C-alpha atoms as a PDB file:
ATOM      1  CA  MET A   1      11.446  -6.722   4.372  1.00  0.00           C
ATOM      2  CA  ILE A   2       9.447  -3.745   5.667  1.00  0.00           C
ATOM      3  CA  ILE A   3      10.165  -0.661   3.540  1.00  0.00           C
ATOM      4  CA  LEU A   4       9.251   2.892   4.585  1.00  0.00           C
ATOM      5  CA  GLY A   5       8.991   5.287   1.655  1.00  0.00           C
ATOM      6  CA  ILE A   6       8.966   9.005   2.374  1.00  0.00           C
ATOM      7  CA  ASP A   7       7.923  11.849   0.058  1.00  0.00           C
ATOM      8  CA  PRO A   8       9.328  14.832   1.978  1.00  0.00           C
ATOM      9  CA  GLY A   9       7.723  18.244   2.238  1.00  0.00           C
ATOM     10  CA  THR A  10       7.261  20.853   4.944  1.00  0.00           C
ATOM     11  CA  ALA A  11       3.472  21.136   4.607  1.00  0.00           C
ATOM     12  CA  THR A  12       2.858  17.499   3.647  1.00  0.00           C
ATOM     13  CA  THR A  13       5.271  14.624   4.114  1.00  0.00           C
ATOM     14  CA  GLY A  14       3.850  11.505   2.535  1.00  0.00           C
ATOM     15  CA  TYR A  15       4.693   8.063   3.829  1.00  0.00           C
ATOM     16  CA  GLY A  16       4.098   4.579   2.530  1.00  0.00           C
ATOM     17  CA  VAL A  17       4.891   1.263   4.186  1.00  0.00           C
ATOM     18  CA  ILE A  18       5.075  -1.992   2.251  1.00  0.00           C
ATOM     19  CA  ASP A  19       6.184  -5.515   3.079  1.00  0.00           C
ATOM     20  CA  LYS A  20       8.277  -7.377   0.512  1.00  0.00           C
ATOM     21  CA  ARG A  21       8.458 -11.142   0.914  1.00  0.00           C
ATOM     22  CA  GLY A  22      10.161 -12.942  -1.956  1.00  0.00           C
ATOM     23  CA  SER A  23       8.692 -11.406  -5.108  1.00  0.00           C
ATOM     24  CA  ALA A  24       5.423 -10.420  -3.393  1.00  0.00           C
ATOM     25  CA  VAL A  25       4.822  -6.829  -2.316  1.00  0.00           C
ATOM     26  CA  LYS A  26       2.036  -6.148   0.183  1.00  0.00           C
ATOM     27  CA  PHE A  27       0.507  -2.858   1.301  1.00  0.00           C
ATOM     28  CA  VAL A  28       0.887  -2.120   5.019  1.00  0.00           C
ATOM     29  CA  ALA A  29       0.004   1.559   5.506  1.00  0.00           C
ATOM     30  CA  CYS A  30       0.191   5.030   4.023  1.00  0.00           C
ATOM     31  CA  GLY A  31      -0.703   8.567   4.911  1.00  0.00           C
ATOM     32  CA  ALA A  32       0.779  11.978   5.459  1.00  0.00           C
ATOM     33  CA  ILE A  33       2.333  14.091   8.161  1.00  0.00           C
ATOM     34  CA  LEU A  34       0.640  17.483   7.873  1.00  0.00           C
ATOM     35  CA  THR A  35       2.026  20.674   9.361  1.00  0.00           C
ATOM     36  CA  ASP A  36       0.320  24.033   9.737  1.00  0.00           C
ATOM     37  CA  LYS A  37       1.805  26.745   7.515  1.00  0.00           C
ATOM     38  CA  ASN A  38       1.253  29.263  10.334  1.00  0.00           C
ATOM     39  CA  THR A  39       3.491  27.323  12.710  1.00  0.00           C
ATOM     40  CA  PRO A  40       7.147  28.438  12.830  1.00  0.00           C
ATOM     41  CA  MET A  41       9.477  26.257  10.757  1.00  0.00           C
ATOM     42  CA  PRO A  42      11.457  24.823  13.702  1.00  0.00           C
ATOM     43  CA  GLN A  43       8.242  23.489  15.271  1.00  0.00           C
ATOM     44  CA  ARG A  44       7.056  22.097  11.927  1.00  0.00           C
ATOM     45  CA  LEU A  45      10.332  20.221  11.490  1.00  0.00           C
ATOM     46  CA  GLU A  46      10.105  18.960  15.069  1.00  0.00           C
ATOM     47  CA  GLN A  47       6.586  17.663  14.350  1.00  0.00           C
ATOM     48  CA  ILE A  48       7.837  15.819  11.249  1.00  0.00           C
ATOM     49  CA  TYR A  49      10.719  14.375  13.275  1.00  0.00           C
ATOM     50  CA  ASN A  50       8.426  13.201  16.087  1.00  0.00           C
ATOM     51  CA  GLU A  51       5.829  11.679  13.770  1.00  0.00           C
ATOM     52  CA  LEU A  52       8.508   9.967  11.677  1.00  0.00           C
ATOM     53  CA  ASN A  53       9.890   8.383  14.848  1.00  0.00           C
ATOM     54  CA  THR A  54       6.376   7.217  15.738  1.00  0.00           C
ATOM     55  CA  LEU A  55       6.046   5.604  12.292  1.00  0.00           C
ATOM     56  CA  ILE A  56       9.380   3.836  12.732  1.00  0.00           C
ATOM     57  CA  ASP A  57       8.332   2.577  16.170  1.00  0.00           C
ATOM     58  CA  GLN A  58       4.986   1.381  14.812  1.00  0.00           C
ATOM     59  CA  TYR A  59       6.144  -0.362  11.619  1.00  0.00           C
ATOM     60  CA  ALA A  60       9.811  -1.270  12.367  1.00  0.00           C
ATOM     61  CA  PRO A  61      11.062  -0.762   8.795  1.00  0.00           C
ATOM     62  CA  GLU A  62      14.330  -2.319   7.717  1.00  0.00           C
ATOM     63  CA  VAL A  63      15.093   0.506   5.296  1.00  0.00           C
ATOM     64  CA  LEU A  64      13.974   4.071   4.655  1.00  0.00           C
ATOM     65  CA  VAL A  65      13.814   5.370   1.069  1.00  0.00           C
ATOM     66  CA  THR A  66      13.181   8.763  -0.488  1.00  0.00           C
ATOM     67  CA  GLU A  67      13.061  10.202  -3.972  1.00  0.00           C
ATOM     68  CA  GLN A  68      16.067  12.256  -5.018  1.00  0.00           C
ATOM     69  CA  LEU A  69      15.086  15.916  -5.108  1.00  0.00           C
ATOM     70  CA  PHE A  70      14.910  17.602  -8.475  1.00  0.00           C
ATOM     71  CA  PHE A  71      14.030  21.253  -8.878  1.00  0.00           C
ATOM     72  CA  SER A  72      14.718  23.320 -11.932  1.00  0.00           C
ATOM     73  CA  ASN A  73      13.572  26.812 -10.923  1.00  0.00           C
ATOM     74  CA  ASN A  74      11.941  27.058  -7.516  1.00  0.00           C
ATOM     75  CA  VAL A  75      14.806  27.560  -5.081  1.00  0.00           C
ATOM     76  CA  THR A  76      12.480  28.391  -2.175  1.00  0.00           C
ATOM     77  CA  THR A  77      10.627  25.089  -2.511  1.00  0.00           C
ATOM     78  CA  ALA A  78      13.909  23.212  -2.869  1.00  0.00           C
ATOM     79  CA  LEU A  79      15.210  24.769   0.350  1.00  0.00           C
ATOM     80  CA  GLN A  80      12.064  23.913   2.291  1.00  0.00           C
ATOM     81  CA  VAL A  81      11.968  20.330   1.047  1.00  0.00           C
ATOM     82  CA  GLY A  82      15.709  20.056   1.722  1.00  0.00           C
ATOM     83  CA  ARG A  83      15.058  20.909   5.371  1.00  0.00           C
ATOM     84  CA  THR A  84      12.619  18.018   5.612  1.00  0.00           C
ATOM     85  CA  VAL A  85      15.067  15.672   3.884  1.00  0.00           C
ATOM     86  CA  GLY A  86      17.608  16.660   6.541  1.00  0.00           C
ATOM     87  CA  ILE A  87      15.130  15.650   9.255  1.00  0.00           C
ATOM     88  CA  VAL A  88      14.482  12.331   7.482  1.00  0.00           C
ATOM     89  CA  LEU A  89      18.229  11.624   7.229  1.00  0.00           C
ATOM     90  CA  LEU A  90      18.842  12.579  10.860  1.00  0.00           C
ATOM     91  CA  THR A  91      16.042  10.269  11.973  1.00  0.00           C
ATOM     92  CA  ALA A  92      17.374   7.410   9.846  1.00  0.00           C
ATOM     93  CA  ALA A  93      20.890   7.899  11.230  1.00  0.00           C
ATOM     94  CA  GLN A  94      19.715   8.049  14.835  1.00  0.00           C
ATOM     95  CA  ARG A  95      17.657   4.892  14.358  1.00  0.00           C
ATOM     96  CA  HIS A  96      20.478   3.114  12.471  1.00  0.00           C
ATOM     97  CA  LEU A  97      18.204   2.637   9.471  1.00  0.00           C
ATOM     98  CA  PRO A  98      19.772   2.278   6.047  1.00  0.00           C
ATOM     99  CA  TRP A  99      18.665   5.082   3.709  1.00  0.00           C
ATOM    100  CA  LEU A 100      18.566   5.068  -0.069  1.00  0.00           C
ATOM    101  CA  GLU A 101      17.263   7.509  -2.619  1.00  0.00           C
ATOM    102  CA  TYR A 102      16.034   6.983  -6.151  1.00  0.00           C
ATOM    103  CA  ARG A 103      15.827   9.379  -9.080  1.00  0.00           C
ATOM    104  CA  PRO A 104      12.261  10.252 -10.170  1.00  0.00           C
ATOM    105  CA  ALA A 105      12.811   8.433 -13.485  1.00  0.00           C
ATOM    106  CA  GLU A 106      13.917   5.300 -11.593  1.00  0.00           C
ATOM    107  CA  VAL A 107      10.731   5.348  -9.517  1.00  0.00           C
ATOM    108  CA  LYS A 108       8.559   5.760 -12.621  1.00  0.00           C
ATOM    109  CA  GLN A 109      10.465   3.030 -14.457  1.00  0.00           C
ATOM    110  CA  ALA A 110      10.109   0.589 -11.544  1.00  0.00           C
ATOM    111  CA  VAL A 111       6.403   1.259 -11.029  1.00  0.00           C
ATOM    112  CA  VAL A 112       5.090   1.962 -14.540  1.00  0.00           C
ATOM    113  CA  GLY A 113       7.831   0.599 -16.795  1.00  0.00           C
ATOM    114  CA  TYR A 114       8.414   4.013 -18.360  1.00  0.00           C
ATOM    115  CA  GLY A 115      10.757   6.651 -16.907  1.00  0.00           C
ATOM    116  CA  ASN A 116       8.719   9.586 -18.203  1.00  0.00           C
ATOM    117  CA  ALA A 117       5.354   8.346 -16.929  1.00  0.00           C
ATOM    118  CA  GLU A 118       2.749  10.861 -15.808  1.00  0.00           C
ATOM    119  CA  LYS A 119       1.759  11.195 -12.147  1.00  0.00           C
ATOM    120  CA  LYS A 120      -1.688   9.632 -12.810  1.00  0.00           C
ATOM    121  CA  GLN A 121      -0.028   6.586 -14.409  1.00  0.00           C
ATOM    122  CA  VAL A 122       2.180   6.115 -11.346  1.00  0.00           C
ATOM    123  CA  GLN A 123      -0.814   6.429  -9.013  1.00  0.00           C
ATOM    124  CA  TYR A 124      -2.800   3.921 -11.055  1.00  0.00           C
ATOM    125  CA  MET A 125       0.044   1.380 -11.003  1.00  0.00           C
ATOM    126  CA  VAL A 126       0.568   1.833  -7.234  1.00  0.00           C
ATOM    127  CA  LYS A 127      -3.109   0.955  -6.797  1.00  0.00           C
ATOM    128  CA  GLN A 128      -2.786  -2.058  -9.096  1.00  0.00           C
ATOM    129  CA  LEU A 129       0.528  -3.388  -7.753  1.00  0.00           C
ATOM    130  CA  LEU A 130      -0.683  -3.224  -4.158  1.00  0.00           C
ATOM    131  CA  ALA A 131      -4.206  -4.506  -4.981  1.00  0.00           C
ATOM    132  CA  LEU A 132      -5.864  -1.456  -3.407  1.00  0.00           C
ATOM    133  CA  ASP A 133      -9.523  -0.553  -3.838  1.00  0.00           C
ATOM    134  CA  LYS A 134      -8.697   3.074  -4.572  1.00  0.00           C
ATOM    135  CA  THR A 135      -5.755   5.345  -5.239  1.00  0.00           C
ATOM    136  CA  PRO A 136      -3.991   6.341  -2.000  1.00  0.00           C
ATOM    137  CA  LYS A 137      -4.589   9.907  -0.870  1.00  0.00           C
ATOM    138  CA  PRO A 138      -3.090  12.416  -0.547  1.00  0.00           C
ATOM    139  CA  ASP A 139      -0.899  12.258  -3.662  1.00  0.00           C
ATOM    140  CA  ASP A 140       2.155  12.436  -1.397  1.00  0.00           C
ATOM    141  CA  ALA A 141       1.180   9.088   0.165  1.00  0.00           C
ATOM    142  CA  ALA A 142       0.853   7.492  -3.287  1.00  0.00           C
ATOM    143  CA  ASP A 143       4.263   8.940  -4.199  1.00  0.00           C
ATOM    144  CA  ALA A 144       5.787   7.515  -1.018  1.00  0.00           C
ATOM    145  CA  LEU A 145       4.356   4.084  -1.829  1.00  0.00           C
ATOM    146  CA  ALA A 146       5.800   4.350  -5.368  1.00  0.00           C
ATOM    147  CA  ILE A 147       9.238   5.071  -3.885  1.00  0.00           C
ATOM    148  CA  ALA A 148       8.908   2.045  -1.591  1.00  0.00           C
ATOM    149  CA  ILE A 149       7.819  -0.154  -4.516  1.00  0.00           C
ATOM    150  CA  CYS A 150      10.811   1.075  -6.503  1.00  0.00           C
ATOM    151  CA  HIS A 151      13.095  -0.068  -3.708  1.00  0.00           C
ATOM    152  CA  ALA A 152      11.309  -3.410  -3.452  1.00  0.00           C
ATOM    153  CA  HIS A 153      11.991  -3.985  -7.149  1.00  0.00           C
ATOM    154  CA  SER A 154      15.525  -2.557  -7.094  1.00  0.00           C
ATOM    155  CA  ALA A 155      17.030  -3.657  -3.765  1.00  0.00           C
ATOM    156  CA  HIS A 156      18.319  -7.026  -4.971  1.00  0.00           C
ATOM    157  CA  LEU A 157      19.827  -5.521  -8.118  1.00  0.00           C
ATOM    158  CA  ARG A 158      21.508  -2.740  -6.104  1.00  0.00           C
ATOM    159  CA  SER A 159      22.968  -5.322  -3.683  1.00  0.00           C
ATOM    160  CA  ILE A 160      24.677  -7.268  -6.463  1.00  0.00           C
ATOM    161  CA  THR A 161      25.826  -4.322  -8.562  1.00  0.00           C
ATOM    162  CA  GLY A 162      27.033  -2.160  -5.675  1.00  0.00           C
END
Protein backbone atom coordinates (compact mmCIF):
# COMPACT_ATOMS: atom_id res chain seq x y z
CA MET A 1 0.00 0.00 0.00
CA ILE A 2 1.43 3.38 -1.02
CA ILE A 3 0.67 5.99 1.66
CA LEU A 4 1.00 9.75 1.11
CA GLY A 5 1.41 11.70 4.34
CA ILE A 6 0.89 15.45 4.26
CA ASP A 7 1.93 18.03 6.86
CA PRO A 8 -0.08 21.04 5.66
CA GLY A 9 1.06 24.64 5.77
CA THR A 10 0.81 27.67 3.50
CA ALA A 11 4.55 28.42 3.40
CA THR A 12 5.71 24.80 3.65
CA THR A 13 3.61 21.72 3.02
CA GLY A 14 5.60 18.63 3.87
CA TYR A 15 4.99 15.33 2.14
CA GLY A 16 6.17 11.81 2.75
CA VAL A 17 5.53 8.70 0.68
CA ILE A 18 6.02 5.20 2.05
CA ASP A 19 5.22 1.72 0.80
CA LYS A 20 3.76 -0.77 3.27
CA ARG A 21 3.96 -4.43 2.27
CA GLY A 22 2.92 -6.85 4.99
CA SER A 23 4.64 -5.61 8.14
CA ALA A 24 7.49 -3.94 6.22
CA VAL A 25 7.50 -0.18 5.68
CA LYS A 26 9.79 1.24 3.00
CA PHE A 27 10.74 4.84 2.26
CA VAL A 28 9.74 6.07 -1.20
CA ALA A 29 10.11 9.86 -1.18
CA CYS A 30 9.73 13.02 0.87
CA GLY A 31 10.07 16.73 0.48
CA ALA A 32 8.14 19.95 0.70
CA ILE A 33 5.96 22.21 -1.40
CA LEU A 34 7.27 25.72 -0.77
CA THR A 35 5.32 28.87 -1.51
CA ASP A 36 6.55 32.45 -1.54
CA LYS A 37 5.10 34.57 1.27
CA ASN A 38 4.94 37.53 -1.13
CA THR A 39 2.61 35.68 -3.50
CA PRO A 40 -1.13 36.28 -2.97
CA MET A 41 -2.85 33.51 -1.01
CA PRO A 42 -5.06 32.27 -3.88
CA GLN A 43 -1.98 31.64 -6.04
CA ARG A 44 -0.16 29.95 -3.15
CA LEU A 45 -3.10 27.59 -2.62
CA GLU A 46 -3.25 26.92 -6.36
CA GLN A 47 0.46 26.03 -6.32
CA ILE A 48 -0.10 23.59 -3.43
CA TYR A 49 -3.06 22.08 -5.29
CA ASN A 50 -1.08 21.67 -8.52
CA GLU A 51 1.99 20.19 -6.84
CA LEU A 52 -0.14 17.83 -4.74
CA ASN A 53 -1.77 16.56 -7.93
CA THR A 54 1.68 16.04 -9.44
CA LEU A 55 2.70 14.00 -6.38
CA ILE A 56 -0.43 11.87 -6.68
CA ASP A 57 0.24 11.29 -10.38
CA GLN A 58 3.86 10.38 -9.68
CA TYR A 59 3.40 8.04 -6.70
CA ALA A 60 -0.21 6.75 -7.12
CA PRO A 61 -0.97 6.55 -3.38
CA GLU A 62 -3.84 4.41 -2.17
CA VAL A 63 -4.56 6.71 0.76
CA LEU A 64 -3.78 10.26 1.84
CA VAL A 65 -3.25 11.02 5.54
CA THR A 66 -2.80 14.20 7.55
CA GLU A 67 -2.34 15.11 11.18
CA GLN A 68 -5.37 16.55 12.92
CA LEU A 69 -4.82 20.25 13.50
CA PHE A 70 -4.35 21.43 17.05
CA PHE A 71 -3.86 25.06 17.94
CA SER A 72 -4.33 26.54 21.35
CA ASN A 73 -3.75 30.27 20.80
CA ASN A 74 -2.68 31.24 17.31
CA VAL A 75 -5.91 31.70 15.37
CA THR A 76 -4.15 33.26 12.37
CA THR A 77 -1.90 30.24 11.92
CA ALA A 78 -4.85 27.89 12.37
CA LEU A 79 -6.78 29.71 9.65
CA GLN A 80 -3.88 29.60 7.21
CA VAL A 81 -3.18 25.92 7.82
CA GLY A 82 -6.92 25.24 7.58
CA ARG A 83 -6.92 26.70 4.08
CA THR A 84 -4.22 24.25 3.05
CA VAL A 85 -6.10 21.35 4.66
CA GLY A 86 -9.10 22.36 2.55
CA ILE A 87 -6.95 22.12 -0.59
CA VAL A 88 -5.66 18.70 0.51
CA LEU A 89 -9.22 17.45 1.12
CA LEU A 90 -10.47 18.84 -2.20
CA THR A 91 -7.61 17.13 -4.03
CA ALA A 92 -8.28 13.83 -2.25
CA ALA A 93 -11.99 14.03 -3.08
CA GLN A 94 -11.38 14.87 -6.73
CA ARG A 95 -8.92 12.00 -7.05
CA HIS A 96 -11.21 9.58 -5.14
CA LEU A 97 -8.48 8.99 -2.57
CA PRO A 98 -9.47 7.91 0.91
CA TRP A 99 -8.37 10.46 3.52
CA LEU A 100 -7.72 9.90 7.20
CA GLU A 101 -6.35 12.09 9.94
CA TYR A 102 -4.56 11.22 13.15
CA ARG A 103 -4.21 13.16 16.39
CA PRO A 104 -0.65 14.35 17.15
CA ALA A 105 -0.49 12.00 20.16
CA GLU A 106 -1.48 9.06 17.92
CA VAL A 107 1.33 9.85 15.50
CA LYS A 108 3.88 10.10 18.33
CA GLN A 109 2.59 6.89 19.91
CA ALA A 110 2.80 4.98 16.61
CA VAL A 111 6.29 6.23 15.75
CA VAL A 112 8.01 6.57 19.13
CA GLY A 113 5.81 4.52 21.46
CA TYR A 114 5.07 7.55 23.63
CA GLY A 115 2.24 10.03 22.95
CA ASN A 116 4.09 12.99 24.44
CA ALA A 117 7.35 12.43 22.57
CA GLU A 118 9.46 15.42 21.56
CA LYS A 119 9.85 16.43 17.91
CA LYS A 120 13.52 15.28 17.86
CA GLN A 121 12.48 11.83 19.13
CA VAL A 122 9.91 11.52 16.33
CA GLN A 123 12.47 12.59 13.73
CA TYR A 124 15.02 10.10 15.05
CA MET A 125 12.51 7.23 14.94
CA VAL A 126 11.39 8.16 11.40
CA LYS A 127 15.04 7.87 10.36
CA GLN A 128 15.41 4.54 12.15
CA LEU A 129 12.12 2.98 11.03
CA LEU A 130 12.76 3.84 7.39
CA ALA A 131 16.49 2.95 7.53
CA LEU A 132 17.53 6.40 6.29
CA ASP A 133 21.08 7.73 6.40
CA LYS A 134 19.96 11.05 7.83
CA THR A 135 16.90 12.77 9.23
CA PRO A 136 14.57 13.98 6.45
CA LYS A 137 14.58 17.73 5.86
CA PRO A 138 12.77 20.02 6.15
CA ASP A 139 11.09 19.10 9.45
CA ASP A 140 7.74 19.19 7.65
CA ALA A 141 8.86 16.28 5.45
CA ALA A 142 9.87 14.25 8.51
CA ASP A 143 6.49 15.06 10.08
CA ALA A 144 4.69 13.92 6.92
CA LEU A 145 6.61 10.64 6.96
CA ALA A 146 5.68 10.18 10.65
CA ILE A 147 2.01 10.63 9.76
CA ALA A 148 2.35 8.05 6.97
CA ILE A 149 4.10 5.61 9.33
CA CYS A 150 1.31 6.11 11.85
CA HIS A 151 -1.21 5.09 9.22
CA ALA A 152 0.90 2.10 8.18
CA HIS A 153 0.84 0.89 11.79
CA SER A 154 -2.81 1.81 12.42
CA ALA A 155 -4.65 1.02 9.17
CA HIS A 156 -5.34 -2.64 9.96
CA LEU A 157 -6.54 -1.84 13.47
CA ARG A 158 -8.81 0.95 12.18
CA SER A 159 -10.30 -1.42 9.57
CA ILE A 160 -11.34 -3.98 12.18
CA THR A 161 -12.50 -1.56 14.87
CA GLY A 162 -14.37 0.81 12.56
